[in-house]
N, C-alpha and C. Protein backbone atom coordinates (compact mmCIF):
# COMPACT_ATOMS: atom_id res chain seq x y z
N MET A 1 23.60 10.55 4.84
CA MET A 1 22.43 10.50 5.70
C MET A 1 22.91 10.24 7.13
N GLU A 2 22.27 10.88 8.03
CA GLU A 2 22.66 10.78 9.43
C GLU A 2 22.18 9.47 10.05
N LEU A 3 22.69 9.21 11.22
CA LEU A 3 22.28 8.02 11.95
C LEU A 3 20.83 8.13 12.42
N LYS A 4 20.33 9.36 12.58
CA LYS A 4 18.94 9.55 13.02
C LYS A 4 17.94 9.01 12.00
N ALA A 5 18.33 8.99 10.74
CA ALA A 5 17.41 8.51 9.71
C ALA A 5 17.10 7.04 9.88
N ILE A 6 18.02 6.29 10.46
CA ILE A 6 17.78 4.86 10.68
C ILE A 6 16.59 4.64 11.59
N TYR A 7 16.41 5.54 12.57
CA TYR A 7 15.29 5.40 13.50
C TYR A 7 13.95 5.61 12.80
N TYR A 8 13.94 6.27 11.66
CA TYR A 8 12.72 6.45 10.90
C TYR A 8 12.57 5.39 9.81
N LEU A 9 13.68 4.89 9.30
CA LEU A 9 13.62 3.91 8.23
C LEU A 9 13.25 2.52 8.73
N ILE A 10 13.61 2.19 9.95
CA ILE A 10 13.31 0.86 10.48
C ILE A 10 11.80 0.64 10.63
N PRO A 11 11.02 1.57 11.19
CA PRO A 11 9.57 1.35 11.21
C PRO A 11 8.96 1.26 9.81
N SER A 12 9.51 2.02 8.88
CA SER A 12 9.03 1.94 7.51
C SER A 12 9.32 0.57 6.91
N LEU A 13 10.49 0.04 7.19
CA LEU A 13 10.84 -1.29 6.71
C LEU A 13 9.94 -2.35 7.34
N ILE A 14 9.65 -2.22 8.62
CA ILE A 14 8.77 -3.18 9.29
C ILE A 14 7.36 -3.11 8.70
N MET A 15 6.87 -1.89 8.44
CA MET A 15 5.55 -1.73 7.83
C MET A 15 5.50 -2.39 6.45
N PHE A 16 6.55 -2.17 5.66
CA PHE A 16 6.56 -2.74 4.32
C PHE A 16 6.61 -4.27 4.37
N CYS A 17 7.42 -4.81 5.27
CA CYS A 17 7.53 -6.27 5.39
C CYS A 17 6.22 -6.88 5.88
N CYS A 18 5.54 -6.23 6.80
CA CYS A 18 4.24 -6.72 7.27
C CYS A 18 3.21 -6.69 6.14
N GLY A 19 3.23 -5.63 5.34
CA GLY A 19 2.32 -5.54 4.21
C GLY A 19 2.61 -6.60 3.16
N LEU A 20 3.89 -6.84 2.89
CA LEU A 20 4.27 -7.87 1.92
C LEU A 20 3.87 -9.25 2.40
N TYR A 21 4.11 -9.53 3.68
CA TYR A 21 3.72 -10.82 4.25
C TYR A 21 2.19 -11.00 4.18
N GLY A 22 1.45 -9.96 4.52
CA GLY A 22 0.00 -10.04 4.47
C GLY A 22 -0.52 -10.22 3.06
N PHE A 23 0.11 -9.58 2.09
CA PHE A 23 -0.34 -9.70 0.70
C PHE A 23 -0.08 -11.10 0.17
N ILE A 24 1.04 -11.69 0.55
CA ILE A 24 1.39 -13.02 0.04
C ILE A 24 0.57 -14.11 0.72
N THR A 25 0.31 -13.98 2.01
CA THR A 25 -0.33 -15.06 2.74
C THR A 25 -1.85 -15.02 2.75
N ARG A 26 -2.45 -13.88 2.56
CA ARG A 26 -3.92 -13.77 2.64
C ARG A 26 -4.55 -14.17 1.32
N LYS A 27 -5.73 -14.72 1.39
CA LYS A 27 -6.50 -15.07 0.20
C LYS A 27 -7.76 -14.23 0.08
N ASN A 28 -8.06 -13.45 1.09
CA ASN A 28 -9.21 -12.56 1.07
C ASN A 28 -8.81 -11.26 0.37
N MET A 29 -9.61 -10.81 -0.58
CA MET A 29 -9.23 -9.63 -1.36
C MET A 29 -9.19 -8.36 -0.52
N ILE A 30 -10.04 -8.24 0.48
CA ILE A 30 -10.02 -7.05 1.34
C ILE A 30 -8.73 -7.02 2.15
N ALA A 31 -8.32 -8.16 2.69
CA ALA A 31 -7.07 -8.23 3.45
C ALA A 31 -5.87 -7.94 2.56
N MET A 32 -5.93 -8.39 1.30
CA MET A 32 -4.86 -8.11 0.36
C MET A 32 -4.79 -6.61 0.05
N LEU A 33 -5.95 -5.98 -0.06
CA LEU A 33 -5.99 -4.54 -0.32
C LEU A 33 -5.43 -3.76 0.87
N ILE A 34 -5.75 -4.17 2.08
CA ILE A 34 -5.22 -3.51 3.27
C ILE A 34 -3.70 -3.67 3.32
N SER A 35 -3.21 -4.85 2.98
CA SER A 35 -1.76 -5.08 2.97
C SER A 35 -1.08 -4.23 1.91
N LEU A 36 -1.70 -4.08 0.77
CA LEU A 36 -1.15 -3.23 -0.29
C LEU A 36 -1.09 -1.78 0.16
N GLU A 37 -2.12 -1.32 0.84
CA GLU A 37 -2.13 0.05 1.35
C GLU A 37 -1.05 0.25 2.42
N LEU A 38 -0.80 -0.77 3.22
CA LEU A 38 0.27 -0.69 4.22
C LEU A 38 1.63 -0.54 3.54
N MET A 39 1.84 -1.27 2.44
CA MET A 39 3.09 -1.13 1.71
C MET A 39 3.22 0.25 1.08
N LEU A 40 2.12 0.78 0.54
CA LEU A 40 2.16 2.12 -0.06
C LEU A 40 2.45 3.19 0.99
N ASN A 41 1.91 3.04 2.18
CA ASN A 41 2.19 4.00 3.25
C ASN A 41 3.65 3.94 3.69
N ALA A 42 4.23 2.75 3.68
CA ALA A 42 5.66 2.62 4.01
C ALA A 42 6.51 3.32 2.97
N VAL A 43 6.14 3.20 1.71
CA VAL A 43 6.88 3.89 0.65
C VAL A 43 6.74 5.41 0.78
N ASP A 44 5.54 5.86 1.13
CA ASP A 44 5.34 7.30 1.34
C ASP A 44 6.18 7.82 2.50
N MET A 45 6.29 7.03 3.55
CA MET A 45 7.16 7.42 4.66
C MET A 45 8.61 7.55 4.20
N ASN A 46 9.04 6.64 3.34
CA ASN A 46 10.41 6.71 2.83
C ASN A 46 10.64 7.96 1.99
N PHE A 47 9.64 8.37 1.20
CA PHE A 47 9.77 9.60 0.43
C PHE A 47 10.04 10.79 1.35
N VAL A 48 9.28 10.87 2.41
CA VAL A 48 9.42 11.99 3.35
C VAL A 48 10.75 11.91 4.09
N ILE A 49 11.14 10.72 4.50
CA ILE A 49 12.39 10.56 5.25
C ILE A 49 13.59 10.95 4.39
N PHE A 50 13.64 10.43 3.16
CA PHE A 50 14.77 10.74 2.31
C PHE A 50 14.80 12.22 1.92
N ASN A 51 13.63 12.82 1.73
CA ASN A 51 13.60 14.25 1.44
C ASN A 51 14.10 15.05 2.63
N ARG A 52 13.70 14.66 3.81
CA ARG A 52 14.07 15.40 5.03
C ARG A 52 15.58 15.36 5.28
N PHE A 53 16.20 14.20 5.06
CA PHE A 53 17.60 14.07 5.41
C PHE A 53 18.55 14.34 4.24
N LEU A 54 18.11 14.20 2.99
CA LEU A 54 18.99 14.48 1.87
C LEU A 54 18.87 15.91 1.36
N PHE A 55 17.64 16.44 1.34
CA PHE A 55 17.39 17.79 0.86
C PHE A 55 16.51 18.52 1.88
N PRO A 56 17.07 18.96 3.00
CA PRO A 56 16.23 19.48 4.09
C PRO A 56 15.45 20.74 3.76
N GLY A 57 15.91 21.56 2.85
CA GLY A 57 15.22 22.81 2.57
C GLY A 57 14.15 22.72 1.51
N GLN A 58 14.01 21.57 0.87
CA GLN A 58 13.08 21.44 -0.25
C GLN A 58 11.88 20.60 0.15
N MET A 59 10.82 20.70 -0.65
CA MET A 59 9.56 20.04 -0.31
C MET A 59 9.12 19.02 -1.36
N GLU A 60 10.01 18.59 -2.24
CA GLU A 60 9.60 17.68 -3.31
C GLU A 60 9.10 16.34 -2.78
N GLY A 61 9.77 15.81 -1.75
CA GLY A 61 9.35 14.53 -1.19
C GLY A 61 7.97 14.60 -0.57
N MET A 62 7.66 15.70 0.09
CA MET A 62 6.35 15.86 0.70
C MET A 62 5.26 16.01 -0.35
N MET A 63 5.56 16.77 -1.41
CA MET A 63 4.57 16.95 -2.47
C MET A 63 4.33 15.64 -3.21
N PHE A 64 5.39 14.89 -3.46
CA PHE A 64 5.24 13.60 -4.12
C PHE A 64 4.44 12.65 -3.24
N THR A 65 4.63 12.72 -1.93
CA THR A 65 3.88 11.88 -1.00
C THR A 65 2.40 12.24 -1.02
N LEU A 66 2.07 13.53 -1.04
CA LEU A 66 0.66 13.94 -1.13
C LEU A 66 0.03 13.45 -2.42
N PHE A 67 0.77 13.53 -3.51
CA PHE A 67 0.27 13.03 -4.79
C PHE A 67 0.06 11.51 -4.72
N ALA A 68 0.99 10.79 -4.11
CA ALA A 68 0.88 9.34 -3.99
C ALA A 68 -0.31 8.95 -3.10
N ILE A 69 -0.59 9.73 -2.06
CA ILE A 69 -1.74 9.45 -1.21
C ILE A 69 -3.04 9.63 -1.98
N ALA A 70 -3.11 10.67 -2.81
CA ALA A 70 -4.30 10.89 -3.62
C ALA A 70 -4.50 9.76 -4.63
N ILE A 71 -3.42 9.30 -5.24
CA ILE A 71 -3.52 8.19 -6.18
C ILE A 71 -3.94 6.91 -5.44
N ALA A 72 -3.41 6.70 -4.24
CA ALA A 72 -3.76 5.51 -3.46
C ALA A 72 -5.24 5.53 -3.07
N ALA A 73 -5.77 6.71 -2.77
CA ALA A 73 -7.20 6.81 -2.43
C ALA A 73 -8.07 6.44 -3.64
N ALA A 74 -7.69 6.92 -4.81
CA ALA A 74 -8.44 6.57 -6.02
C ALA A 74 -8.31 5.09 -6.33
N GLU A 75 -7.12 4.55 -6.14
CA GLU A 75 -6.89 3.12 -6.38
C GLU A 75 -7.71 2.27 -5.41
N THR A 76 -7.83 2.70 -4.17
CA THR A 76 -8.62 1.96 -3.19
C THR A 76 -10.10 1.98 -3.55
N ALA A 77 -10.60 3.11 -3.98
CA ALA A 77 -12.01 3.19 -4.38
C ALA A 77 -12.29 2.28 -5.57
N LEU A 78 -11.39 2.25 -6.53
CA LEU A 78 -11.55 1.38 -7.69
C LEU A 78 -11.46 -0.09 -7.29
N ALA A 79 -10.52 -0.42 -6.42
CA ALA A 79 -10.37 -1.81 -5.98
C ALA A 79 -11.59 -2.29 -5.21
N ILE A 80 -12.15 -1.44 -4.37
CA ILE A 80 -13.35 -1.83 -3.62
C ILE A 80 -14.53 -2.03 -4.56
N ALA A 81 -14.63 -1.20 -5.61
CA ALA A 81 -15.69 -1.40 -6.60
C ALA A 81 -15.53 -2.73 -7.33
N ILE A 82 -14.30 -3.08 -7.66
CA ILE A 82 -14.04 -4.37 -8.31
C ILE A 82 -14.37 -5.52 -7.37
N ILE A 83 -14.00 -5.39 -6.11
CA ILE A 83 -14.28 -6.45 -5.14
C ILE A 83 -15.79 -6.63 -4.95
N ILE A 84 -16.54 -5.54 -4.95
CA ILE A 84 -18.00 -5.63 -4.83
C ILE A 84 -18.59 -6.35 -6.03
N ASN A 85 -18.10 -6.05 -7.23
CA ASN A 85 -18.60 -6.73 -8.43
C ASN A 85 -18.23 -8.21 -8.42
N VAL A 86 -17.04 -8.54 -7.96
CA VAL A 86 -16.65 -9.95 -7.86
C VAL A 86 -17.55 -10.65 -6.85
N PHE A 87 -17.85 -10.01 -5.76
CA PHE A 87 -18.72 -10.62 -4.76
C PHE A 87 -20.12 -10.86 -5.32
N ARG A 88 -20.60 -9.96 -6.16
CA ARG A 88 -21.92 -10.16 -6.77
C ARG A 88 -21.94 -11.37 -7.69
N TRP A 89 -20.85 -11.62 -8.39
CA TRP A 89 -20.81 -12.74 -9.32
C TRP A 89 -20.54 -14.07 -8.63
N VAL A 90 -19.62 -14.09 -7.68
CA VAL A 90 -19.15 -15.35 -7.10
C VAL A 90 -19.73 -15.59 -5.70
N ASN A 91 -20.23 -14.55 -5.04
CA ASN A 91 -20.70 -14.61 -3.65
C ASN A 91 -19.60 -14.98 -2.68
N ASN A 92 -18.38 -14.62 -3.02
CA ASN A 92 -17.23 -14.88 -2.17
C ASN A 92 -16.12 -13.94 -2.62
N ILE A 93 -15.28 -13.50 -1.70
CA ILE A 93 -14.16 -12.64 -2.09
C ILE A 93 -12.82 -13.34 -1.87
N ASP A 94 -12.86 -14.67 -1.87
CA ASP A 94 -11.64 -15.46 -1.77
C ASP A 94 -10.98 -15.52 -3.15
N VAL A 95 -9.70 -15.30 -3.20
CA VAL A 95 -8.99 -15.27 -4.48
C VAL A 95 -9.03 -16.63 -5.16
N ARG A 96 -9.06 -17.70 -4.39
CA ARG A 96 -9.08 -19.04 -4.98
C ARG A 96 -10.38 -19.33 -5.72
N GLU A 97 -11.43 -18.59 -5.42
CA GLU A 97 -12.72 -18.81 -6.06
C GLU A 97 -12.88 -18.03 -7.35
N LEU A 98 -11.91 -17.24 -7.74
CA LEU A 98 -12.05 -16.40 -8.93
C LEU A 98 -12.03 -17.20 -10.22
N ASN A 99 -11.55 -18.44 -10.20
CA ASN A 99 -11.54 -19.22 -11.44
C ASN A 99 -12.96 -19.61 -11.87
N LYS A 100 -13.94 -19.43 -11.01
CA LYS A 100 -15.33 -19.67 -11.39
C LYS A 100 -15.84 -18.64 -12.39
N MET A 101 -15.15 -17.49 -12.49
CA MET A 101 -15.59 -16.44 -13.39
C MET A 101 -15.16 -16.69 -14.82
N LYS A 102 -14.34 -17.71 -15.07
CA LYS A 102 -13.89 -18.00 -16.43
C LYS A 102 -15.06 -18.51 -17.24
N PHE A 103 -14.99 -18.28 -18.55
CA PHE A 103 -16.06 -18.70 -19.44
C PHE A 103 -16.02 -20.18 -19.70
């Protein structure tokens, strides 16, 4: 891999670290979902970067990234539906309040 790839991998690493930090430190489910999406986008960037520099004539990394984006969109819709249902039961979307849902 060329030295130019480092200039693309560093922003991806920063995005992933910011998403990981946000996921660990936040207690709000919406903020956790946004952090998870940030991490998924960093991984998608890595797919494209590695495909571009390791196999320049092929499109597998780009196709896999498009597939991952579609899966992430479905996952986000499902997560928002779960968060709405949790809010209806607990009237709060704080993760610490989820133990109220136990029987």
